[in-house]
N, C-alpha and C. Protein backbone atom coordinates (compact mmCIF):
# COMPACT_ATOMS: atom_id res chain seq x y z
N UNK A 1 -61.97 -27.64 19.58
CA UNK A 1 -63.28 -27.03 19.36
C UNK A 1 -63.15 -25.93 18.31
N UNK A 2 -64.04 -25.91 17.33
CA UNK A 2 -64.01 -24.91 16.28
C UNK A 2 -64.65 -23.62 16.74
N UNK A 3 -64.04 -22.51 16.31
CA UNK A 3 -64.60 -21.20 16.64
C UNK A 3 -65.84 -20.96 15.79
N UNK A 4 -66.81 -20.27 16.37
CA UNK A 4 -68.02 -19.92 15.62
C UNK A 4 -67.69 -18.82 14.63
N UNK A 5 -68.31 -18.93 13.46
CA UNK A 5 -68.15 -17.89 12.45
C UNK A 5 -68.92 -16.66 12.90
N UNK A 6 -68.42 -15.45 12.60
CA UNK A 6 -69.14 -14.23 12.95
C UNK A 6 -70.51 -14.19 12.27
N UNK A 7 -71.42 -13.47 12.88
CA UNK A 7 -72.77 -13.33 12.32
C UNK A 7 -72.67 -12.77 10.91
N UNK A 8 -73.48 -13.31 10.01
CA UNK A 8 -73.48 -12.84 8.63
C UNK A 8 -72.37 -13.47 7.79
N UNK A 9 -71.58 -14.33 8.37
CA UNK A 9 -70.50 -14.99 7.65
C UNK A 9 -70.93 -16.40 7.28
N UNK A 10 -70.54 -16.84 6.12
CA UNK A 10 -70.85 -18.19 5.68
C UNK A 10 -69.55 -18.96 5.60
N UNK A 11 -69.54 -20.12 6.14
CA UNK A 11 -68.33 -20.92 6.17
C UNK A 11 -68.50 -22.14 5.29
N UNK A 12 -67.42 -22.59 4.70
CA UNK A 12 -67.45 -23.76 3.82
C UNK A 12 -67.03 -25.01 4.54
N UNK A 13 -67.21 -25.07 5.85
CA UNK A 13 -66.80 -26.23 6.61
C UNK A 13 -65.39 -26.09 7.13
N UNK A 14 -64.67 -25.10 6.65
CA UNK A 14 -63.33 -24.83 7.13
C UNK A 14 -63.43 -23.65 8.08
N UNK A 15 -62.82 -23.74 9.24
CA UNK A 15 -62.97 -22.67 10.21
C UNK A 15 -62.43 -21.34 9.70
N UNK A 16 -63.22 -20.32 9.89
CA UNK A 16 -62.83 -18.93 9.63
C UNK A 16 -62.61 -18.56 8.17
N UNK A 17 -63.08 -19.36 7.23
CA UNK A 17 -63.05 -18.94 5.83
C UNK A 17 -64.46 -18.51 5.47
N UNK A 18 -64.57 -17.28 5.04
CA UNK A 18 -65.86 -16.71 4.69
C UNK A 18 -66.10 -16.88 3.19
N UNK A 19 -67.03 -17.75 2.84
CA UNK A 19 -67.38 -17.95 1.43
C UNK A 19 -67.87 -16.63 0.83
N UNK A 20 -68.66 -15.91 1.59
CA UNK A 20 -69.19 -14.63 1.13
C UNK A 20 -68.06 -13.68 0.75
N UNK A 21 -67.05 -13.56 1.60
CA UNK A 21 -65.93 -12.66 1.34
C UNK A 21 -65.14 -13.10 0.11
N UNK A 22 -64.92 -14.39 -0.02
CA UNK A 22 -64.15 -14.92 -1.15
C UNK A 22 -64.91 -14.70 -2.46
N UNK A 23 -66.21 -14.93 -2.45
CA UNK A 23 -67.01 -14.75 -3.67
C UNK A 23 -67.10 -13.26 -4.03
N UNK A 24 -67.32 -12.40 -3.06
CA UNK A 24 -67.38 -10.96 -3.35
C UNK A 24 -66.06 -10.46 -3.92
N UNK A 25 -64.95 -10.89 -3.34
CA UNK A 25 -63.64 -10.49 -3.86
C UNK A 25 -63.43 -11.02 -5.27
N UNK A 26 -63.86 -12.26 -5.52
CA UNK A 26 -63.72 -12.85 -6.85
C UNK A 26 -64.53 -12.07 -7.89
N UNK A 27 -65.75 -11.71 -7.55
CA UNK A 27 -66.58 -10.94 -8.48
C UNK A 27 -65.98 -9.57 -8.77
N UNK A 28 -65.46 -8.92 -7.72
CA UNK A 28 -64.84 -7.60 -7.90
C UNK A 28 -63.62 -7.71 -8.83
N UNK A 29 -62.80 -8.72 -8.61
CA UNK A 29 -61.60 -8.89 -9.43
C UNK A 29 -61.96 -9.28 -10.86
N UNK A 30 -63.01 -10.06 -11.04
CA UNK A 30 -63.45 -10.38 -12.40
C UNK A 30 -63.81 -9.10 -13.15
N UNK A 31 -64.49 -8.20 -12.48
CA UNK A 31 -64.83 -6.92 -13.10
C UNK A 31 -63.59 -6.12 -13.47
N UNK A 32 -62.63 -6.06 -12.57
CA UNK A 32 -61.37 -5.36 -12.83
C UNK A 32 -60.64 -6.01 -14.00
N UNK A 33 -60.60 -7.34 -14.01
CA UNK A 33 -59.90 -8.06 -15.08
C UNK A 33 -60.57 -7.86 -16.44
N UNK A 34 -61.88 -7.84 -16.46
CA UNK A 34 -62.59 -7.60 -17.72
C UNK A 34 -62.27 -6.21 -18.26
N UNK A 35 -62.33 -5.21 -17.38
CA UNK A 35 -62.02 -3.84 -17.81
C UNK A 35 -60.57 -3.70 -18.26
N UNK A 36 -59.65 -4.28 -17.52
CA UNK A 36 -58.24 -4.17 -17.92
C UNK A 36 -57.98 -4.94 -19.21
N UNK A 37 -58.66 -6.06 -19.41
CA UNK A 37 -58.52 -6.81 -20.65
C UNK A 37 -59.03 -6.02 -21.85
N UNK A 38 -60.14 -5.33 -21.67
CA UNK A 38 -60.68 -4.49 -22.74
C UNK A 38 -59.71 -3.36 -23.07
N UNK A 39 -59.16 -2.74 -22.04
CA UNK A 39 -58.20 -1.65 -22.23
C UNK A 39 -56.95 -2.15 -22.96
N UNK A 40 -56.41 -3.28 -22.51
CA UNK A 40 -55.22 -3.85 -23.15
C UNK A 40 -55.48 -4.19 -24.61
N UNK A 41 -56.64 -4.78 -24.88
CA UNK A 41 -56.98 -5.14 -26.25
C UNK A 41 -57.00 -3.90 -27.14
N UNK A 42 -57.57 -2.83 -26.65
CA UNK A 42 -57.62 -1.59 -27.43
C UNK A 42 -56.23 -0.97 -27.57
N UNK A 43 -55.42 -1.02 -26.51
CA UNK A 43 -54.07 -0.44 -26.55
C UNK A 43 -53.18 -1.14 -27.56
N UNK A 44 -53.32 -2.45 -27.70
CA UNK A 44 -52.44 -3.22 -28.55
C UNK A 44 -53.05 -3.57 -29.90
N UNK A 45 -54.11 -2.87 -30.25
CA UNK A 45 -54.66 -3.00 -31.59
C UNK A 45 -55.48 -4.23 -31.84
N UNK A 46 -56.08 -4.77 -30.81
CA UNK A 46 -56.96 -5.91 -30.99
C UNK A 46 -58.24 -5.47 -31.67
N UNK A 47 -59.06 -6.43 -32.06
CA UNK A 47 -60.31 -6.08 -32.75
C UNK A 47 -61.23 -5.26 -31.85
N UNK A 48 -61.84 -4.24 -32.42
CA UNK A 48 -62.77 -3.41 -31.68
C UNK A 48 -64.06 -4.15 -31.38
N UNK A 49 -64.75 -3.72 -30.34
CA UNK A 49 -65.97 -4.40 -29.93
C UNK A 49 -67.13 -4.09 -30.86
N UNK A 50 -67.05 -3.00 -31.57
CA UNK A 50 -68.13 -2.68 -32.51
C UNK A 50 -67.63 -2.78 -33.95
N UNK A 51 -66.54 -3.53 -34.15
CA UNK A 51 -65.96 -3.61 -35.50
C UNK A 51 -66.85 -4.45 -36.42
N UNK A 52 -66.62 -4.27 -37.69
CA UNK A 52 -67.38 -5.00 -38.70
C UNK A 52 -66.61 -6.21 -39.21
N UNK A 53 -65.69 -6.72 -38.41
CA UNK A 53 -64.89 -7.88 -38.81
C UNK A 53 -65.72 -9.16 -38.71
N UNK A 54 -65.37 -10.11 -39.54
CA UNK A 54 -66.03 -11.41 -39.45
C UNK A 54 -65.49 -12.16 -38.22
N UNK A 55 -66.17 -13.24 -37.86
CA UNK A 55 -65.71 -14.05 -36.72
C UNK A 55 -64.31 -14.58 -36.96
N UNK A 56 -64.03 -14.99 -38.17
CA UNK A 56 -62.69 -15.51 -38.51
C UNK A 56 -61.63 -14.42 -38.38
N UNK A 57 -61.94 -13.21 -38.83
CA UNK A 57 -60.98 -12.09 -38.71
C UNK A 57 -60.74 -11.73 -37.24
N UNK A 58 -61.78 -11.77 -36.44
CA UNK A 58 -61.63 -11.49 -35.01
C UNK A 58 -60.79 -12.58 -34.34
N UNK A 59 -61.05 -13.81 -34.67
CA UNK A 59 -60.28 -14.94 -34.11
C UNK A 59 -58.80 -14.81 -34.48
N UNK A 60 -58.52 -14.47 -35.73
CA UNK A 60 -57.13 -14.29 -36.17
C UNK A 60 -56.47 -13.12 -35.43
N UNK A 61 -57.19 -12.02 -35.27
CA UNK A 61 -56.64 -10.86 -34.57
C UNK A 61 -56.29 -11.21 -33.13
N UNK A 62 -57.12 -12.00 -32.46
CA UNK A 62 -56.82 -12.42 -31.09
C UNK A 62 -55.64 -13.39 -31.04
N UNK A 63 -55.51 -14.24 -32.04
CA UNK A 63 -54.36 -15.15 -32.08
C UNK A 63 -53.05 -14.37 -32.21
N UNK A 64 -53.06 -13.35 -33.01
CA UNK A 64 -51.87 -12.49 -33.16
C UNK A 64 -51.60 -11.77 -31.84
N UNK A 65 -52.64 -11.26 -31.21
CA UNK A 65 -52.50 -10.55 -29.94
C UNK A 65 -51.92 -11.47 -28.86
N UNK A 66 -52.33 -12.72 -28.85
CA UNK A 66 -51.86 -13.67 -27.83
C UNK A 66 -50.39 -14.05 -28.02
N UNK A 67 -49.76 -13.61 -29.08
CA UNK A 67 -48.34 -13.86 -29.30
C UNK A 67 -47.49 -12.60 -29.06
N UNK A 68 -48.13 -11.49 -28.75
CA UNK A 68 -47.43 -10.23 -28.51
C UNK A 68 -46.90 -10.22 -27.07
N UNK A 69 -45.59 -10.31 -26.92
CA UNK A 69 -44.97 -10.41 -25.60
C UNK A 69 -45.26 -9.16 -24.76
N UNK A 70 -45.33 -8.00 -25.38
CA UNK A 70 -45.64 -6.76 -24.63
C UNK A 70 -47.05 -6.83 -24.05
N UNK A 71 -47.99 -7.28 -24.85
CA UNK A 71 -49.37 -7.44 -24.40
C UNK A 71 -49.45 -8.44 -23.25
N UNK A 72 -48.79 -9.58 -23.44
CA UNK A 72 -48.82 -10.63 -22.41
C UNK A 72 -48.13 -10.17 -21.12
N UNK A 73 -47.02 -9.47 -21.24
CA UNK A 73 -46.30 -9.00 -20.05
C UNK A 73 -47.15 -8.00 -19.26
N UNK A 74 -47.71 -7.04 -19.95
CA UNK A 74 -48.57 -6.07 -19.26
C UNK A 74 -49.80 -6.76 -18.69
N UNK A 75 -50.33 -7.73 -19.40
CA UNK A 75 -51.47 -8.50 -18.90
C UNK A 75 -51.10 -9.26 -17.63
N UNK A 76 -49.90 -9.83 -17.59
CA UNK A 76 -49.45 -10.56 -16.40
C UNK A 76 -49.29 -9.61 -15.21
N UNK A 77 -48.74 -8.44 -15.46
CA UNK A 77 -48.56 -7.46 -14.39
C UNK A 77 -49.92 -7.02 -13.84
N UNK A 78 -50.83 -6.68 -14.73
CA UNK A 78 -52.16 -6.25 -14.29
C UNK A 78 -52.93 -7.38 -13.62
N UNK A 79 -52.80 -8.58 -14.15
CA UNK A 79 -53.47 -9.74 -13.55
C UNK A 79 -52.94 -10.05 -12.16
N UNK A 80 -51.63 -9.95 -11.98
CA UNK A 80 -51.04 -10.18 -10.67
C UNK A 80 -51.48 -9.10 -9.68
N UNK A 81 -51.52 -7.86 -10.15
CA UNK A 81 -51.98 -6.76 -9.29
C UNK A 81 -53.44 -6.97 -8.89
N UNK A 82 -54.27 -7.44 -9.82
CA UNK A 82 -55.67 -7.67 -9.47
C UNK A 82 -55.81 -8.84 -8.50
N UNK A 83 -54.89 -9.80 -8.55
CA UNK A 83 -54.91 -10.90 -7.59
C UNK A 83 -54.53 -10.41 -6.20
N UNK A 84 -53.57 -9.50 -6.12
CA UNK A 84 -53.23 -8.88 -4.83
C UNK A 84 -54.47 -8.15 -4.29
N UNK A 85 -55.14 -7.40 -5.16
CA UNK A 85 -56.36 -6.71 -4.77
C UNK A 85 -57.41 -7.69 -4.27
N UNK A 86 -57.58 -8.80 -4.96
CA UNK A 86 -58.57 -9.80 -4.55
C UNK A 86 -58.25 -10.40 -3.19
N UNK A 87 -56.98 -10.71 -2.94
CA UNK A 87 -56.58 -11.22 -1.63
C UNK A 87 -56.85 -10.21 -0.54
N UNK A 88 -56.58 -8.94 -0.86
CA UNK A 88 -56.84 -7.85 0.08
C UNK A 88 -58.34 -7.76 0.39
N UNK A 89 -59.15 -7.77 -0.67
CA UNK A 89 -60.60 -7.65 -0.48
C UNK A 89 -61.17 -8.84 0.29
N UNK A 90 -60.72 -10.04 -0.04
CA UNK A 90 -61.22 -11.23 0.67
C UNK A 90 -60.90 -11.12 2.15
N UNK A 91 -59.69 -10.69 2.47
CA UNK A 91 -59.29 -10.56 3.87
C UNK A 91 -60.08 -9.45 4.57
N UNK A 92 -60.27 -8.33 3.91
CA UNK A 92 -61.02 -7.22 4.52
C UNK A 92 -62.49 -7.56 4.69
N UNK A 93 -63.10 -8.17 3.67
CA UNK A 93 -64.52 -8.52 3.77
C UNK A 93 -64.75 -9.55 4.87
N UNK A 94 -63.81 -10.47 5.04
CA UNK A 94 -63.97 -11.53 6.05
C UNK A 94 -63.78 -10.97 7.46
N UNK A 95 -62.93 -9.98 7.61
CA UNK A 95 -62.64 -9.33 8.89
C UNK A 95 -61.92 -10.22 9.90
N UNK A 96 -61.59 -11.42 9.52
CA UNK A 96 -60.83 -12.29 10.41
C UNK A 96 -60.02 -13.25 9.55
N UNK A 97 -58.99 -13.79 10.13
CA UNK A 97 -58.14 -14.76 9.45
C UNK A 97 -57.78 -14.31 8.03
N UNK A 98 -57.11 -13.17 7.90
CA UNK A 98 -56.86 -12.61 6.57
C UNK A 98 -56.08 -13.54 5.64
N UNK A 99 -55.11 -14.26 6.17
CA UNK A 99 -54.31 -15.12 5.31
C UNK A 99 -55.12 -16.29 4.75
N UNK A 100 -55.97 -16.90 5.58
CA UNK A 100 -56.78 -18.02 5.12
C UNK A 100 -57.79 -17.57 4.07
N UNK A 101 -58.42 -16.43 4.28
CA UNK A 101 -59.40 -15.95 3.32
C UNK A 101 -58.74 -15.50 2.02
N UNK A 102 -57.59 -14.87 2.11
CA UNK A 102 -56.85 -14.49 0.91
C UNK A 102 -56.39 -15.73 0.15
N UNK A 103 -55.93 -16.74 0.88
CA UNK A 103 -55.50 -17.99 0.25
C UNK A 103 -56.67 -18.69 -0.43
N UNK A 104 -57.83 -18.69 0.21
CA UNK A 104 -59.03 -19.29 -0.39
C UNK A 104 -59.38 -18.56 -1.69
N UNK A 105 -59.26 -17.24 -1.69
CA UNK A 105 -59.49 -16.47 -2.91
C UNK A 105 -58.48 -16.89 -3.99
N UNK A 106 -57.23 -17.03 -3.60
CA UNK A 106 -56.19 -17.43 -4.56
C UNK A 106 -56.45 -18.79 -5.17
N UNK A 107 -56.88 -19.75 -4.35
CA UNK A 107 -57.18 -21.09 -4.85
C UNK A 107 -58.36 -21.04 -5.83
N UNK A 108 -59.41 -20.31 -5.46
CA UNK A 108 -60.55 -20.18 -6.37
C UNK A 108 -60.13 -19.50 -7.67
N UNK A 109 -59.31 -18.47 -7.57
CA UNK A 109 -58.81 -17.79 -8.76
C UNK A 109 -58.00 -18.71 -9.66
N UNK A 110 -57.19 -19.58 -9.06
CA UNK A 110 -56.42 -20.54 -9.85
C UNK A 110 -57.34 -21.50 -10.59
N UNK A 111 -58.38 -21.97 -9.90
CA UNK A 111 -59.32 -22.89 -10.53
C UNK A 111 -60.04 -22.23 -11.70
N UNK A 112 -60.45 -21.00 -11.50
CA UNK A 112 -61.14 -20.27 -12.57
C UNK A 112 -60.20 -20.02 -13.74
N UNK A 113 -58.96 -19.66 -13.45
CA UNK A 113 -58.02 -19.36 -14.54
C UNK A 113 -57.66 -20.61 -15.33
N UNK A 114 -57.68 -21.77 -14.70
CA UNK A 114 -57.39 -23.01 -15.44
C UNK A 114 -58.47 -23.29 -16.48
N UNK A 115 -59.67 -22.82 -16.21
CA UNK A 115 -60.78 -23.04 -17.15
C UNK A 115 -60.71 -22.04 -18.30
N UNK A 116 -60.34 -20.80 -18.01
CA UNK A 116 -60.49 -19.75 -19.00
C UNK A 116 -59.23 -19.19 -19.63
N UNK A 117 -58.17 -19.97 -19.76
CA UNK A 117 -56.94 -19.40 -20.34
C UNK A 117 -56.81 -19.62 -21.83
N UNK A 118 -57.64 -20.45 -22.40
CA UNK A 118 -57.75 -20.61 -23.85
C UNK A 118 -56.46 -20.64 -24.65
N UNK A 119 -56.30 -19.65 -25.53
CA UNK A 119 -55.20 -19.61 -26.50
C UNK A 119 -53.90 -19.04 -25.95
N UNK A 120 -53.83 -18.78 -24.68
CA UNK A 120 -52.62 -18.20 -24.12
C UNK A 120 -51.46 -19.18 -24.18
N UNK A 121 -50.23 -18.67 -24.36
CA UNK A 121 -49.06 -19.56 -24.40
C UNK A 121 -48.88 -20.30 -23.06
N UNK A 122 -48.29 -21.48 -23.14
CA UNK A 122 -48.10 -22.32 -21.96
C UNK A 122 -47.28 -21.60 -20.89
N UNK A 123 -46.21 -20.88 -21.29
CA UNK A 123 -45.38 -20.19 -20.31
C UNK A 123 -46.20 -19.17 -19.52
N UNK A 124 -47.15 -18.53 -20.19
CA UNK A 124 -47.99 -17.53 -19.56
C UNK A 124 -48.90 -18.19 -18.53
N UNK A 125 -49.49 -19.31 -18.90
CA UNK A 125 -50.39 -20.04 -18.00
C UNK A 125 -49.63 -20.51 -16.76
N UNK A 126 -48.45 -21.07 -16.95
CA UNK A 126 -47.66 -21.58 -15.82
C UNK A 126 -47.23 -20.45 -14.90
N UNK A 127 -46.72 -19.36 -15.48
CA UNK A 127 -46.30 -18.22 -14.66
C UNK A 127 -47.48 -17.64 -13.88
N UNK A 128 -48.63 -17.56 -14.52
CA UNK A 128 -49.83 -17.06 -13.83
C UNK A 128 -50.21 -17.93 -12.64
N UNK A 129 -50.13 -19.23 -12.81
CA UNK A 129 -50.44 -20.14 -11.70
C UNK A 129 -49.42 -20.03 -10.57
N UNK A 130 -48.14 -19.87 -10.94
CA UNK A 130 -47.09 -19.74 -9.93
C UNK A 130 -47.27 -18.47 -9.10
N UNK A 131 -47.69 -17.39 -9.74
CA UNK A 131 -47.82 -16.10 -9.06
C UNK A 131 -49.13 -15.96 -8.27
N UNK A 132 -50.13 -16.76 -8.58
CA UNK A 132 -51.46 -16.56 -8.00
C UNK A 132 -51.50 -16.61 -6.48
N UNK A 133 -51.03 -17.68 -5.89
CA UNK A 133 -51.12 -17.82 -4.43
C UNK A 133 -50.27 -16.79 -3.69
N UNK A 134 -49.00 -16.58 -4.08
CA UNK A 134 -48.23 -15.55 -3.38
C UNK A 134 -48.86 -14.16 -3.50
N UNK A 135 -49.41 -13.84 -4.67
CA UNK A 135 -50.03 -12.52 -4.85
C UNK A 135 -51.27 -12.38 -3.97
N UNK A 136 -52.09 -13.42 -3.90
CA UNK A 136 -53.29 -13.37 -3.07
C UNK A 136 -52.92 -13.24 -1.59
N UNK A 137 -51.93 -13.99 -1.15
CA UNK A 137 -51.51 -13.93 0.25
C UNK A 137 -50.88 -12.56 0.55
N UNK A 138 -50.16 -11.99 -0.41
CA UNK A 138 -49.63 -10.63 -0.22
C UNK A 138 -50.78 -9.65 0.01
N UNK A 139 -51.85 -9.79 -0.74
CA UNK A 139 -53.03 -8.95 -0.52
C UNK A 139 -53.60 -9.14 0.87
N UNK A 140 -53.65 -10.39 1.34
CA UNK A 140 -54.11 -10.67 2.70
C UNK A 140 -53.19 -10.06 3.74
N UNK A 141 -51.90 -10.09 3.47
CA UNK A 141 -50.92 -9.50 4.39
C UNK A 141 -51.11 -7.98 4.48
N UNK A 142 -51.30 -7.35 3.34
CA UNK A 142 -51.54 -5.89 3.33
C UNK A 142 -52.81 -5.57 4.10
N UNK A 143 -53.85 -6.37 3.92
CA UNK A 143 -55.10 -6.16 4.66
C UNK A 143 -54.87 -6.32 6.16
N UNK A 144 -54.10 -7.32 6.54
CA UNK A 144 -53.82 -7.54 7.97
C UNK A 144 -53.09 -6.34 8.56
N UNK A 145 -52.11 -5.83 7.82
CA UNK A 145 -51.38 -4.66 8.30
C UNK A 145 -52.30 -3.46 8.45
N UNK A 146 -53.18 -3.28 7.49
CA UNK A 146 -54.11 -2.13 7.53
C UNK A 146 -55.15 -2.29 8.62
N UNK A 147 -55.59 -3.53 8.89
CA UNK A 147 -56.61 -3.77 9.92
C UNK A 147 -56.01 -3.62 11.33
N UNK A 148 -54.73 -3.93 11.46
CA UNK A 148 -54.12 -3.84 12.79
C UNK A 148 -53.74 -2.41 13.14
N UNK A 149 -53.74 -1.53 12.17
CA UNK A 149 -53.44 -0.12 12.43
C UNK A 149 -51.97 0.13 12.67
N UNK A 150 -51.63 1.38 12.97
CA UNK A 150 -50.22 1.73 13.19
C UNK A 150 -49.67 1.05 14.46
N UNK A 151 -48.44 0.67 14.37
CA UNK A 151 -47.79 0.04 15.52
C UNK A 151 -47.54 1.10 16.59
N UNK A 152 -47.84 0.74 17.83
CA UNK A 152 -47.67 1.70 18.92
C UNK A 152 -46.35 1.54 19.57
């Protein structure tokens, strides 16, 4: 017999996975990723958002940026940290089954990243996919520890 979902929770047919929690966590992480991407672009000399460069000059500047190992490494670190945050948020928003909700967030994040990785090097794409699920589940684990409180 399947357990009933808590009031206000939406389930995707899988017991105890809150679609609402996963989507909210995904939106929050997208915001964090956009801000960190803007910051990284400015730190590593990418084209400015109000620059007077042509589309071709902007495209070339991004191609150069996508080959900068320092930029990519810091981007991977920040992206992995935001995935941990997303797993944490999905687990906390769901209030139950933290690992399943964090894992659902990780799977959705992987699907989204497969669509939007564009000009990134293949090694970067593969490493990002490898790190996604463990990072999301780590976030769920941290949420579980925080929800259970101090050990007595």
